Amino acid sequence: MKEEVIRTVRETRIIAIIRGFSPDECLRLAEAYREGGIRMVEVTFNQRDRSDWANTAAAIRMIGERFPGEVFAGAGTVLTAEQLKIAADAGAGYIITPSLDVEIVRAAVDAGLVAMPGAFTPTEIAQAYAAGASFVKVFPAVSLGPAYIKAIRAPLSHIPLLAVGGITPENIGDFTKAGCVGAGVGGVLADRSRVTAGDWAGVSAVARRLVENAAVAG
């Protein structure tokens, strides 16, 4: 699965971030994303509620079983070895972190998972890649801006970067033009009002715009 995940990130460019939804809602969102061309879905761990970790695992498992080989589910906000194990046991193909923990990156790689750790500075980005990350998540991207990405890419052009934090259909092209291979997108995709209204076509439409804008710009 590792090579498939890496190839899919590069081909489709978008990782949909789901936070705060039930496993059934996550599954329905994943289906809507798939209709819009997104094949990567990150289900995050709730750090404030340990009892909710089982829901994260359930959502990852359900997505993988419903869309084998089509939609790749991973775990987000992975901060501990326990969460990494829960994700791996649930069938996650990758883990994403908000910050850099070299030991978590190495453990993920040893478990056969794709690691996408978060980083902010050139030093963190280089350390993450040296530890085995396949992609490095620059977070929060919107606070740094595309100019930061372009500057980082000059000396670190060999490191595949993902823009995460504040990414929308309107600005994703700026980040891919600056050199990001893709982006993680949360709120604009996992819009609770659309989920509550059952507007799955609307969710798919946003997904489609993101994929198209990223591809054209890239």
N, C-alpha and C. Protein backbone atom coordinates (compact mmCIF):
# COMPACT_ATOMS: atom_id res chain seq x y z
N MET A 1 0.82 -1.21 0.00
CA MET A 1 0.00 0.00 0.00
C MET A 1 0.86 1.26 0.00
N LYS A 2 2.05 1.19 0.54
CA LYS A 2 2.88 2.39 0.69
C LYS A 2 3.10 3.11 -0.64
N GLU A 3 3.51 2.36 -1.66
CA GLU A 3 3.77 2.99 -2.95
C GLU A 3 2.50 3.52 -3.58
N GLU A 4 1.38 2.84 -3.35
CA GLU A 4 0.10 3.32 -3.88
C GLU A 4 -0.29 4.64 -3.22
N VAL A 5 -0.07 4.75 -1.93
CA VAL A 5 -0.39 5.98 -1.21
C VAL A 5 0.46 7.13 -1.75
N ILE A 6 1.74 6.91 -1.88
CA ILE A 6 2.64 7.96 -2.38
C ILE A 6 2.24 8.39 -3.79
N ARG A 7 1.96 7.43 -4.64
CA ARG A 7 1.56 7.74 -6.01
C ARG A 7 0.23 8.51 -6.05
N THR A 8 -0.71 8.12 -5.20
CA THR A 8 -2.01 8.77 -5.18
C THR A 8 -1.92 10.21 -4.70
N VAL A 9 -1.08 10.46 -3.70
CA VAL A 9 -0.88 11.84 -3.25
C VAL A 9 -0.37 12.70 -4.40
N ARG A 10 0.60 12.19 -5.12
CA ARG A 10 1.19 12.96 -6.21
C ARG A 10 0.22 13.15 -7.38
N GLU A 11 -0.63 12.16 -7.61
CA GLU A 11 -1.55 12.24 -8.74
C GLU A 11 -2.76 13.11 -8.45
N THR A 12 -3.34 12.96 -7.26
CA THR A 12 -4.59 13.68 -6.97
C THR A 12 -4.37 14.95 -6.16
N ARG A 13 -3.25 15.04 -5.46
CA ARG A 13 -2.76 16.25 -4.79
C ARG A 13 -3.52 16.68 -3.52
N ILE A 14 -4.70 16.13 -3.28
CA ILE A 14 -5.50 16.58 -2.15
C ILE A 14 -5.68 15.48 -1.12
N ILE A 15 -5.47 15.82 0.16
CA ILE A 15 -5.80 14.94 1.27
C ILE A 15 -6.93 15.62 2.04
N ALA A 16 -8.07 14.97 2.11
CA ALA A 16 -9.21 15.52 2.83
C ALA A 16 -9.07 15.22 4.31
N ILE A 17 -9.19 16.25 5.13
CA ILE A 17 -9.05 16.11 6.59
C ILE A 17 -10.43 16.10 7.22
N ILE A 18 -10.73 15.03 7.96
CA ILE A 18 -12.03 14.92 8.64
C ILE A 18 -11.79 14.95 10.15
N ARG A 19 -12.45 15.89 10.80
CA ARG A 19 -12.28 16.04 12.25
C ARG A 19 -13.65 16.25 12.91
N GLY A 20 -13.96 15.43 13.93
CA GLY A 20 -15.17 15.66 14.71
C GLY A 20 -16.45 15.07 14.15
N PHE A 21 -16.34 14.08 13.28
CA PHE A 21 -17.53 13.43 12.72
C PHE A 21 -17.59 11.97 13.15
N SER A 22 -18.78 11.41 13.15
CA SER A 22 -18.95 9.99 13.51
C SER A 22 -18.39 9.11 12.40
N PRO A 23 -18.12 7.84 12.70
CA PRO A 23 -17.63 6.94 11.66
C PRO A 23 -18.56 6.87 10.45
N ASP A 24 -19.86 6.84 10.67
CA ASP A 24 -20.80 6.79 9.54
C ASP A 24 -20.72 8.06 8.70
N GLU A 25 -20.59 9.21 9.36
CA GLU A 25 -20.45 10.47 8.63
C GLU A 25 -19.13 10.51 7.87
N CYS A 26 -18.07 9.98 8.48
CA CYS A 26 -16.78 9.92 7.80
C CYS A 26 -16.87 9.09 6.53
N LEU A 27 -17.58 7.99 6.62
CA LEU A 27 -17.74 7.11 5.46
C LEU A 27 -18.51 7.83 4.36
N ARG A 28 -19.56 8.53 4.73
CA ARG A 28 -20.36 9.25 3.73
C ARG A 28 -19.56 10.38 3.11
N LEU A 29 -18.76 11.07 3.92
CA LEU A 29 -17.89 12.11 3.39
C LEU A 29 -16.87 11.52 2.42
N ALA A 30 -16.29 10.39 2.78
CA ALA A 30 -15.31 9.74 1.92
C ALA A 30 -15.92 9.40 0.56
N GLU A 31 -17.16 8.96 0.57
CA GLU A 31 -17.85 8.64 -0.69
C GLU A 31 -18.04 9.91 -1.54
N ALA A 32 -18.41 11.01 -0.88
CA ALA A 32 -18.60 12.27 -1.60
C ALA A 32 -17.27 12.78 -2.15
N TYR A 33 -16.21 12.64 -1.36
CA TYR A 33 -14.89 13.06 -1.83
C TYR A 33 -14.48 12.24 -3.05
N ARG A 34 -14.73 10.95 -2.98
CA ARG A 34 -14.38 10.06 -4.09
C ARG A 34 -15.08 10.49 -5.37
N GLU A 35 -16.34 10.88 -5.24
CA GLU A 35 -17.09 11.35 -6.41
C GLU A 35 -16.46 12.62 -6.99
N GLY A 36 -15.82 13.40 -6.13
CA GLY A 36 -15.18 14.63 -6.58
C GLY A 36 -13.73 14.47 -6.99
N GLY A 37 -13.21 13.25 -6.90
CA GLY A 37 -11.84 12.99 -7.35
C GLY A 37 -10.79 12.92 -6.27
N ILE A 38 -11.20 13.05 -5.00
CA ILE A 38 -10.25 12.94 -3.89
C ILE A 38 -10.19 11.51 -3.41
N ARG A 39 -9.00 10.97 -3.29
CA ARG A 39 -8.84 9.56 -2.92
C ARG A 39 -8.03 9.37 -1.64
N MET A 40 -7.72 10.47 -0.95
CA MET A 40 -6.98 10.42 0.29
C MET A 40 -7.81 11.06 1.39
N VAL A 41 -8.07 10.31 2.47
CA VAL A 41 -8.90 10.81 3.56
C VAL A 41 -8.18 10.61 4.89
N GLU A 42 -7.95 11.69 5.58
CA GLU A 42 -7.30 11.67 6.90
C GLU A 42 -8.34 11.85 7.99
N VAL A 43 -8.45 10.85 8.86
CA VAL A 43 -9.37 10.94 10.00
C VAL A 43 -8.53 11.23 11.24
N THR A 44 -8.82 12.33 11.92
CA THR A 44 -7.95 12.77 13.00
C THR A 44 -8.31 12.20 14.37
N PHE A 45 -7.31 12.11 15.21
CA PHE A 45 -7.51 11.74 16.61
C PHE A 45 -7.89 12.99 17.40
N ASN A 46 -8.82 12.81 18.32
CA ASN A 46 -9.22 13.88 19.23
C ASN A 46 -8.35 13.77 20.49
N GLN A 47 -7.43 14.70 20.64
CA GLN A 47 -6.49 14.63 21.76
C GLN A 47 -7.15 14.91 23.11
N ARG A 48 -8.31 15.52 23.10
CA ARG A 48 -8.99 15.85 24.36
C ARG A 48 -9.90 14.73 24.85
N ASP A 49 -10.17 13.75 24.01
CA ASP A 49 -11.13 12.71 24.37
C ASP A 49 -10.61 11.34 23.94
N ARG A 50 -9.94 10.68 24.85
CA ARG A 50 -9.37 9.37 24.55
C ARG A 50 -10.44 8.36 24.14
N SER A 51 -11.63 8.51 24.69
CA SER A 51 -12.70 7.56 24.38
C SER A 51 -13.12 7.64 22.91
N ASP A 52 -12.78 8.74 22.24
CA ASP A 52 -13.15 8.92 20.83
C ASP A 52 -12.16 8.27 19.87
N TRP A 53 -11.03 7.81 20.40
CA TRP A 53 -10.02 7.21 19.51
C TRP A 53 -10.57 5.98 18.80
N ALA A 54 -11.47 5.26 19.46
CA ALA A 54 -12.07 4.08 18.83
C ALA A 54 -12.88 4.48 17.60
N ASN A 55 -13.47 5.65 17.63
CA ASN A 55 -14.23 6.13 16.48
C ASN A 55 -13.30 6.44 15.31
N THR A 56 -12.15 7.00 15.62
CA THR A 56 -11.17 7.26 14.56
C THR A 56 -10.76 5.95 13.89
N ALA A 57 -10.47 4.95 14.71
CA ALA A 57 -10.09 3.64 14.17
C ALA A 57 -11.22 3.03 13.35
N ALA A 58 -12.44 3.15 13.86
CA ALA A 58 -13.60 2.58 13.15
C ALA A 58 -13.79 3.24 11.80
N ALA A 59 -13.64 4.57 11.75
CA ALA A 59 -13.82 5.29 10.49
C ALA A 59 -12.75 4.88 9.47
N ILE A 60 -11.51 4.76 9.92
CA ILE A 60 -10.42 4.34 9.03
C ILE A 60 -10.70 2.95 8.48
N ARG A 61 -11.14 2.06 9.35
CA ARG A 61 -11.42 0.69 8.94
C ARG A 61 -12.59 0.64 7.94
N MET A 62 -13.64 1.38 8.23
CA MET A 62 -14.83 1.38 7.37
C MET A 62 -14.53 1.93 5.99
N ILE A 63 -13.75 3.00 5.93
CA ILE A 63 -13.40 3.59 4.63
C ILE A 63 -12.57 2.61 3.81
N GLY A 64 -11.59 1.98 4.47
CA GLY A 64 -10.74 1.02 3.77
C GLY A 64 -11.51 -0.17 3.25
N GLU A 65 -12.48 -0.64 4.04
CA GLU A 65 -13.27 -1.80 3.62
C GLU A 65 -14.26 -1.47 2.53
N ARG A 66 -14.80 -0.24 2.54
CA ARG A 66 -15.79 0.15 1.54
C ARG A 66 -15.14 0.48 0.19
N PHE A 67 -13.96 1.09 0.24
CA PHE A 67 -13.31 1.53 -1.00
C PHE A 67 -11.89 0.99 -1.14
N PRO A 68 -11.71 -0.33 -1.10
CA PRO A 68 -10.36 -0.89 -1.18
C PRO A 68 -9.67 -0.52 -2.50
N GLY A 69 -8.48 0.02 -2.39
CA GLY A 69 -7.73 0.38 -3.58
C GLY A 69 -8.20 1.65 -4.26
N GLU A 70 -9.28 2.24 -3.76
CA GLU A 70 -9.82 3.46 -4.37
C GLU A 70 -9.61 4.69 -3.49
N VAL A 71 -9.95 4.55 -2.22
CA VAL A 71 -9.78 5.63 -1.27
C VAL A 71 -8.85 5.14 -0.17
N PHE A 72 -7.79 5.90 0.09
CA PHE A 72 -6.81 5.50 1.09
C PHE A 72 -7.03 6.31 2.37
N ALA A 73 -7.33 5.60 3.44
CA ALA A 73 -7.59 6.25 4.73
C ALA A 73 -6.33 6.25 5.59
N GLY A 74 -6.12 7.35 6.27
CA GLY A 74 -5.00 7.46 7.19
C GLY A 74 -5.44 8.16 8.46
N ALA A 75 -4.53 8.24 9.41
CA ALA A 75 -4.84 8.86 10.70
C ALA A 75 -4.12 10.20 10.80
N GLY A 76 -4.83 11.19 11.33
CA GLY A 76 -4.24 12.50 11.52
C GLY A 76 -4.11 12.86 12.99
N THR A 77 -3.33 13.88 13.27
CA THR A 77 -3.05 14.33 14.63
C THR A 77 -2.54 13.15 15.47
N VAL A 78 -1.62 12.40 14.91
CA VAL A 78 -1.00 11.28 15.61
C VAL A 78 0.17 11.82 16.43
N LEU A 79 0.05 11.72 17.75
CA LEU A 79 1.07 12.28 18.63
C LEU A 79 1.77 11.26 19.50
N THR A 80 1.23 10.05 19.59
CA THR A 80 1.80 9.04 20.49
C THR A 80 1.97 7.70 19.78
N ALA A 81 2.81 6.87 20.38
CA ALA A 81 3.02 5.52 19.85
C ALA A 81 1.73 4.71 19.93
N GLU A 82 0.95 4.95 20.96
CA GLU A 82 -0.33 4.23 21.10
C GLU A 82 -1.28 4.58 19.95
N GLN A 83 -1.36 5.86 19.62
CA GLN A 83 -2.22 6.25 18.51
C GLN A 83 -1.71 5.68 17.18
N LEU A 84 -0.41 5.63 17.02
CA LEU A 84 0.16 5.04 15.82
C LEU A 84 -0.24 3.57 15.70
N LYS A 85 -0.18 2.83 16.80
CA LYS A 85 -0.56 1.42 16.78
C LYS A 85 -2.04 1.26 16.47
N ILE A 86 -2.88 2.11 17.08
CA ILE A 86 -4.32 2.05 16.83
C ILE A 86 -4.59 2.27 15.34
N ALA A 87 -3.91 3.24 14.76
CA ALA A 87 -4.09 3.54 13.34
C ALA A 87 -3.64 2.37 12.46
N ALA A 88 -2.47 1.82 12.77
CA ALA A 88 -1.96 0.70 11.98
C ALA A 88 -2.88 -0.51 12.08
N ASP A 89 -3.36 -0.79 13.28
CA ASP A 89 -4.25 -1.94 13.47
C ASP A 89 -5.58 -1.76 12.72
N ALA A 90 -5.98 -0.50 12.53
CA ALA A 90 -7.23 -0.21 11.84
C ALA A 90 -7.07 -0.26 10.32
N GLY A 91 -5.83 -0.40 9.86
CA GLY A 91 -5.59 -0.48 8.43
C GLY A 91 -5.19 0.81 7.77
N ALA A 92 -4.78 1.80 8.56
CA ALA A 92 -4.34 3.08 8.00
C ALA A 92 -3.14 2.87 7.08
N GLY A 93 -3.12 3.60 5.98
CA GLY A 93 -1.98 3.51 5.07
C GLY A 93 -0.93 4.56 5.36
N TYR A 94 -1.29 5.54 6.18
CA TYR A 94 -0.37 6.63 6.47
C TYR A 94 -0.78 7.33 7.75
N ILE A 95 0.17 8.08 8.29
CA ILE A 95 -0.13 8.91 9.46
C ILE A 95 0.36 10.33 9.19
N ILE A 96 -0.39 11.29 9.75
CA ILE A 96 -0.05 12.69 9.59
C ILE A 96 -0.01 13.31 10.98
N THR A 97 0.99 14.14 11.22
CA THR A 97 1.14 14.77 12.54
C THR A 97 1.16 16.29 12.38
N PRO A 98 0.77 17.02 13.42
CA PRO A 98 0.82 18.48 13.35
C PRO A 98 2.20 19.05 13.62
N SER A 99 3.05 18.22 14.20
CA SER A 99 4.39 18.66 14.60
C SER A 99 5.38 17.54 14.32
N LEU A 100 6.65 17.85 14.52
CA LEU A 100 7.68 16.86 14.23
C LEU A 100 8.11 16.10 15.48
N ASP A 101 7.90 14.79 15.45
CA ASP A 101 8.42 13.87 16.46
C ASP A 101 9.17 12.79 15.68
N VAL A 102 10.47 12.89 15.68
CA VAL A 102 11.30 11.99 14.87
C VAL A 102 11.04 10.53 15.20
N GLU A 103 10.82 10.21 16.48
CA GLU A 103 10.58 8.82 16.87
C GLU A 103 9.26 8.30 16.28
N ILE A 104 8.24 9.14 16.24
CA ILE A 104 6.96 8.73 15.65
C ILE A 104 7.14 8.50 14.15
N VAL A 105 7.89 9.36 13.50
CA VAL A 105 8.15 9.19 12.06
C VAL A 105 8.84 7.87 11.80
N ARG A 106 9.87 7.58 12.57
CA ARG A 106 10.62 6.34 12.37
C ARG A 106 9.76 5.11 12.68
N ALA A 107 8.94 5.21 13.71
CA ALA A 107 8.07 4.09 14.07
C ALA A 107 7.04 3.84 12.96
N ALA A 108 6.52 4.90 12.37
CA ALA A 108 5.56 4.75 11.29
C ALA A 108 6.20 4.07 10.08
N VAL A 109 7.39 4.50 9.74
CA VAL A 109 8.12 3.90 8.62
C VAL A 109 8.40 2.43 8.90
N ASP A 110 8.81 2.11 10.12
CA ASP A 110 9.09 0.73 10.50
C ASP A 110 7.83 -0.13 10.41
N ALA A 111 6.67 0.49 10.63
CA ALA A 111 5.39 -0.23 10.56
C ALA A 111 4.87 -0.35 9.13
N GLY A 112 5.62 0.19 8.19
CA GLY A 112 5.21 0.11 6.80
C GLY A 112 4.24 1.19 6.36
N LEU A 113 4.11 2.24 7.17
CA LEU A 113 3.18 3.32 6.85
C LEU A 113 3.91 4.50 6.22
N VAL A 114 3.19 5.26 5.44
CA VAL A 114 3.73 6.51 4.91
C VAL A 114 3.63 7.57 6.01
N ALA A 115 4.71 8.26 6.28
CA ALA A 115 4.73 9.29 7.32
C ALA A 115 4.71 10.67 6.69
N MET A 116 3.80 11.52 7.19
CA MET A 116 3.68 12.89 6.72
C MET A 116 3.67 13.82 7.93
N PRO A 117 4.82 14.06 8.53
CA PRO A 117 4.86 14.90 9.74
C PRO A 117 4.75 16.38 9.43
N GLY A 118 4.26 17.12 10.42
CA GLY A 118 4.17 18.56 10.29
C GLY A 118 5.48 19.22 10.64
N ALA A 119 5.77 20.33 9.97
CA ALA A 119 7.00 21.08 10.24
C ALA A 119 6.75 22.55 9.92
N PHE A 120 7.57 23.40 10.48
CA PHE A 120 7.40 24.84 10.33
C PHE A 120 8.66 25.51 9.77
N THR A 121 9.81 25.07 10.24
CA THR A 121 11.06 25.72 9.86
C THR A 121 11.86 24.84 8.89
N PRO A 122 12.85 25.41 8.19
CA PRO A 122 13.71 24.61 7.32
C PRO A 122 14.39 23.47 8.08
N THR A 123 14.80 23.73 9.30
CA THR A 123 15.45 22.69 10.10
C THR A 123 14.51 21.53 10.35
N GLU A 124 13.28 21.82 10.77
CA GLU A 124 12.30 20.76 11.02
C GLU A 124 11.97 19.99 9.75
N ILE A 125 11.84 20.70 8.65
CA ILE A 125 11.53 20.05 7.36
C ILE A 125 12.64 19.07 6.99
N ALA A 126 13.88 19.51 7.10
CA ALA A 126 15.02 18.64 6.77
C ALA A 126 15.11 17.46 7.73
N GLN A 127 14.86 17.68 9.01
CA GLN A 127 14.92 16.59 9.98
C GLN A 127 13.81 15.57 9.73
N ALA A 128 12.63 16.04 9.37
CA ALA A 128 11.52 15.14 9.10
C ALA A 128 11.82 14.24 7.92
N TYR A 129 12.38 14.81 6.89
CA TYR A 129 12.69 14.03 5.69
C TYR A 129 13.81 13.03 5.97
N ALA A 130 14.80 13.46 6.72
CA ALA A 130 15.92 12.58 7.07
C ALA A 130 15.45 11.40 7.92
N ALA A 131 14.39 11.60 8.69
CA ALA A 131 13.87 10.53 9.55
C ALA A 131 13.04 9.51 8.77
N GLY A 132 12.70 9.83 7.52
CA GLY A 132 11.97 8.87 6.70
C GLY A 132 10.63 9.33 6.19
N ALA A 133 10.29 10.59 6.40
CA ALA A 133 9.01 11.09 5.91
C ALA A 133 8.97 11.05 4.39
N SER A 134 7.83 10.63 3.84
CA SER A 134 7.66 10.64 2.39
C SER A 134 7.24 12.02 1.90
N PHE A 135 6.49 12.72 2.74
CA PHE A 135 6.08 14.10 2.48
C PHE A 135 6.19 14.86 3.79
N VAL A 136 6.46 16.15 3.71
CA VAL A 136 6.50 16.97 4.91
C VAL A 136 5.38 18.00 4.81
N LYS A 137 4.56 18.02 5.84
CA LYS A 137 3.42 18.92 5.91
C LYS A 137 3.85 20.27 6.48
N VAL A 138 3.80 21.31 5.67
CA VAL A 138 4.14 22.65 6.14
C VAL A 138 2.88 23.24 6.77
N PHE A 139 2.96 23.48 8.07
CA PHE A 139 1.78 23.87 8.84
C PHE A 139 2.13 24.94 9.86
N PRO A 140 1.31 26.01 9.98
CA PRO A 140 0.11 26.33 9.19
C PRO A 140 0.46 27.09 7.91
N ALA A 141 0.14 26.54 6.78
CA ALA A 141 0.58 27.08 5.49
C ALA A 141 0.05 28.47 5.21
N VAL A 142 -1.22 28.71 5.53
CA VAL A 142 -1.80 30.00 5.18
C VAL A 142 -1.15 31.14 5.97
N SER A 143 -0.63 30.85 7.14
CA SER A 143 0.04 31.87 7.94
C SER A 143 1.42 32.21 7.36
N LEU A 144 2.02 31.22 6.71
CA LEU A 144 3.34 31.40 6.14
C LEU A 144 3.27 31.98 4.72
N GLY A 145 2.31 31.48 3.94
CA GLY A 145 2.10 31.98 2.59
C GLY A 145 2.93 31.28 1.54
N PRO A 146 2.50 31.38 0.27
CA PRO A 146 3.21 30.75 -0.84
C PRO A 146 4.65 31.22 -0.98
N ALA A 147 4.92 32.47 -0.64
CA ALA A 147 6.29 32.99 -0.76
C ALA A 147 7.25 32.20 0.13
N TYR A 148 6.76 31.78 1.29
CA TYR A 148 7.59 30.99 2.20
C TYR A 148 7.92 29.64 1.56
N ILE A 149 6.91 29.02 0.95
CA ILE A 149 7.11 27.74 0.27
C ILE A 149 8.16 27.89 -0.83
N LYS A 150 8.03 28.93 -1.63
CA LYS A 150 8.97 29.16 -2.73
C LYS A 150 10.39 29.34 -2.20
N ALA A 151 10.52 30.05 -1.10
CA ALA A 151 11.85 30.28 -0.52
C ALA A 151 12.45 28.98 0.02
N ILE A 152 11.62 28.17 0.66
CA ILE A 152 12.07 26.89 1.22
C ILE A 152 12.49 25.93 0.11
N ARG A 153 11.75 25.97 -0.98
CA ARG A 153 12.02 25.05 -2.08
C ARG A 153 13.37 25.30 -2.74
N ALA A 154 13.89 26.50 -2.63
CA ALA A 154 15.18 26.79 -3.27
C ALA A 154 16.29 25.87 -2.76
N PRO A 155 16.52 25.80 -1.44
CA PRO A 155 17.57 24.90 -0.96
C PRO A 155 17.08 23.48 -0.69
N LEU A 156 15.76 23.28 -0.55
CA LEU A 156 15.23 21.97 -0.18
C LEU A 156 14.30 21.43 -1.26
N SER A 157 14.70 21.58 -2.50
CA SER A 157 13.84 21.18 -3.63
C SER A 157 13.62 19.68 -3.71
N HIS A 158 14.45 18.90 -3.02
CA HIS A 158 14.33 17.45 -3.06
C HIS A 158 13.28 16.91 -2.09
N ILE A 159 12.74 17.79 -1.23
CA ILE A 159 11.78 17.35 -0.21
C ILE A 159 10.36 17.67 -0.66
N PRO A 160 9.50 16.67 -0.81
CA PRO A 160 8.11 16.91 -1.21
C PRO A 160 7.32 17.56 -0.07
N LEU A 161 6.73 18.71 -0.36
CA LEU A 161 6.01 19.47 0.65
C LEU A 161 4.51 19.46 0.41
N LEU A 162 3.75 19.42 1.51
CA LEU A 162 2.30 19.54 1.48
C LEU A 162 1.91 20.80 2.23
N ALA A 163 1.02 21.59 1.66
CA ALA A 163 0.52 22.78 2.34
C ALA A 163 -0.73 22.40 3.13
N VAL A 164 -0.74 22.70 4.42
CA VAL A 164 -1.88 22.37 5.27
C VAL A 164 -2.17 23.53 6.21
N GLY A 165 -3.45 23.86 6.32
CA GLY A 165 -3.86 24.94 7.21
C GLY A 165 -4.36 26.14 6.43
N GLY A 166 -5.69 26.26 6.30
CA GLY A 166 -6.28 27.39 5.61
C GLY A 166 -6.33 27.27 4.10
N ILE A 167 -6.20 26.05 3.57
CA ILE A 167 -6.20 25.85 2.13
C ILE A 167 -7.64 25.81 1.60
N THR A 168 -7.88 26.51 0.51
CA THR A 168 -9.20 26.60 -0.12
C THR A 168 -9.06 26.41 -1.63
N PRO A 169 -10.19 26.25 -2.33
CA PRO A 169 -10.11 26.18 -3.80
C PRO A 169 -9.49 27.44 -4.41
N GLU A 170 -9.67 28.57 -3.72
CA GLU A 170 -9.17 29.84 -4.24
C GLU A 170 -7.66 30.01 -4.09
N ASN A 171 -7.06 29.42 -3.06
CA ASN A 171 -5.62 29.66 -2.85
C ASN A 171 -4.73 28.44 -3.10
N ILE A 172 -5.33 27.29 -3.34
CA ILE A 172 -4.50 26.08 -3.49
C ILE A 172 -3.54 26.21 -4.67
N GLY A 173 -3.99 26.86 -5.73
CA GLY A 173 -3.12 27.03 -6.88
C GLY A 173 -1.87 27.83 -6.56
N ASP A 174 -1.98 28.79 -5.66
CA ASP A 174 -0.82 29.58 -5.28
C ASP A 174 0.24 28.71 -4.60
N PHE A 175 -0.22 27.74 -3.82
CA PHE A 175 0.72 26.87 -3.10
C PHE A 175 1.35 25.82 -4.02
N THR A 176 0.57 25.29 -4.96
CA THR A 176 1.17 24.32 -5.89
C THR A 176 2.11 25.01 -6.86
N LYS A 177 1.77 26.24 -7.26
CA LYS A 177 2.69 27.00 -8.12
C LYS A 177 3.99 27.29 -7.39
N ALA A 178 3.89 27.47 -6.07
CA ALA A 178 5.09 27.77 -5.28
C ALA A 178 5.96 26.54 -5.07
N GLY A 179 5.40 25.35 -5.35
CA GLY A 179 6.22 24.14 -5.26
C GLY A 179 5.70 23.00 -4.42
N CYS A 180 4.52 23.17 -3.79
CA CYS A 180 3.96 22.06 -3.02
C CYS A 180 3.43 20.97 -3.96
N VAL A 181 3.63 19.72 -3.59
CA VAL A 181 3.12 18.62 -4.42
C VAL A 181 1.64 18.40 -4.18
N GLY A 182 1.12 18.95 -3.08
CA GLY A 182 -0.29 18.78 -2.77
C GLY A 182 -0.65 19.55 -1.51
N ALA A 183 -1.85 19.26 -0.99
CA ALA A 183 -2.31 19.98 0.19
C ALA A 183 -3.29 19.15 0.99
N GLY A 184 -3.34 19.44 2.28
CA GLY A 184 -4.36 18.87 3.15
C GLY A 184 -5.44 19.91 3.34
N VAL A 185 -6.70 19.51 3.20
CA VAL A 185 -7.81 20.46 3.26
C VAL A 185 -8.87 19.95 4.22
N GLY A 186 -9.23 20.80 5.18
CA GLY A 186 -10.20 20.40 6.19
C GLY A 186 -11.54 21.07 6.10
N GLY A 187 -11.69 22.21 6.80
CA GLY A 187 -12.98 22.85 6.99
C GLY A 187 -13.80 23.10 5.75
N VAL A 188 -13.17 23.56 4.69
CA VAL A 188 -13.93 23.88 3.47
C VAL A 188 -14.51 22.62 2.83
N LEU A 189 -13.91 21.47 3.11
CA LEU A 189 -14.41 20.20 2.58
C LEU A 189 -15.39 19.53 3.54
N ALA A 190 -15.01 19.46 4.80
CA ALA A 190 -15.85 18.81 5.81
C ALA A 190 -16.75 19.86 6.47
N ASP A 191 -17.58 20.48 5.67
CA ASP A 191 -18.47 21.54 6.14
C ASP A 191 -19.66 20.92 6.86
N ARG A 192 -19.78 21.20 8.15
CA ARG A 192 -20.82 20.55 8.94
C ARG A 192 -22.23 20.90 8.47
N SER A 193 -22.42 22.10 7.98
CA SER A 193 -23.76 22.47 7.51
C SER A 193 -24.17 21.63 6.31
N ARG A 194 -23.22 21.32 5.42
CA ARG A 194 -23.52 20.46 4.28
C ARG A 194 -23.81 19.03 4.73
N VAL A 195 -23.03 18.56 5.69
CA VAL A 195 -23.24 17.20 6.21
C VAL A 195 -24.61 17.10 6.86
N THR A 196 -24.96 18.07 7.69
CA THR A 196 -26.25 18.08 8.37
C THR A 196 -27.40 18.11 7.38
N ALA A 197 -27.21 18.86 6.29
CA ALA A 197 -28.26 18.98 5.27
C ALA A 197 -28.25 17.82 4.29
N GLY A 198 -27.23 16.97 4.38
CA GLY A 198 -27.13 15.86 3.44
C GLY A 198 -26.78 16.31 2.03
N ASP A 199 -26.08 17.45 1.94
CA ASP A 199 -25.71 18.01 0.64
C ASP A 199 -24.41 17.38 0.14
N TRP A 200 -24.48 16.12 -0.17
CA TRP A 200 -23.28 15.40 -0.59
C TRP A 200 -22.80 15.85 -1.96
N ALA A 201 -23.72 16.27 -2.81
CA ALA A 201 -23.34 16.80 -4.12
C ALA A 201 -22.51 18.07 -3.95
N GLY A 202 -22.89 18.89 -2.95
CA GLY A 202 -22.14 20.10 -2.67
C GLY A 202 -20.73 19.79 -2.19
N VAL A 203 -20.60 18.76 -1.35
CA VAL A 203 -19.28 18.33 -0.88
C VAL A 203 -18.43 17.88 -2.05
N SER A 204 -19.03 17.08 -2.94
CA SER A 204 -18.30 16.59 -4.12
C SER A 204 -17.87 17.73 -5.03
N ALA A 205 -18.72 18.75 -5.13
CA ALA A 205 -18.39 19.89 -5.99
C ALA A 205 -17.16 20.64 -5.49
N VAL A 206 -17.07 20.82 -4.16
CA VAL A 206 -15.90 21.49 -3.59
C VAL A 206 -14.66 20.63 -3.81
N ALA A 207 -14.80 19.32 -3.61
CA ALA A 207 -13.68 18.41 -3.83
C ALA A 207 -13.19 18.51 -5.27
N ARG A 208 -14.12 18.55 -6.20
CA ARG A 208 -13.77 18.61 -7.62
C ARG A 208 -13.02 19.90 -7.94
N ARG A 209 -13.47 21.02 -7.37
CA ARG A 209 -12.80 22.29 -7.61
C ARG A 209 -11.37 22.28 -7.08
N LEU A 210 -11.20 21.69 -5.91
CA LEU A 210 -9.86 21.61 -5.33
C LEU A 210 -8.91 20.80 -6.22
N VAL A 211 -9.38 19.63 -6.65
CA VAL A 211 -8.56 18.77 -7.48
C VAL A 211 -8.22 19.47 -8.80
N GLU A 212 -9.21 20.09 -9.41
CA GLU A 212 -8.98 20.77 -10.69
C GLU A 212 -8.04 21.94 -10.55
N ASN A 213 -8.24 22.77 -9.52
CA ASN A 213 -7.38 23.94 -9.35
C ASN A 213 -5.95 23.57 -9.01
N ALA A 214 -5.80 22.51 -8.23
CA ALA A 214 -4.44 22.06 -7.89
C ALA A 214 -3.72 21.51 -9.11
N ALA A 215 -4.46 20.76 -9.93
CA ALA A 215 -3.86 20.14 -11.12
C ALA A 215 -3.46 21.17 -12.16
N VAL A 216 -4.32 22.16 -12.39
CA VAL A 216 -4.03 23.19 -13.38
C VAL A 216 -2.82 24.01 -12.97
N ALA A 217 -2.80 24.37 -11.68
CA ALA A 217 -1.70 25.19 -11.18
C ALA A 217 -0.39 24.41 -11.15
N GLY A 218 -0.51 23.10 -10.85
CA GLY A 218 0.71 22.31 -10.71
C GLY A 218 1.30 21.91 -12.02
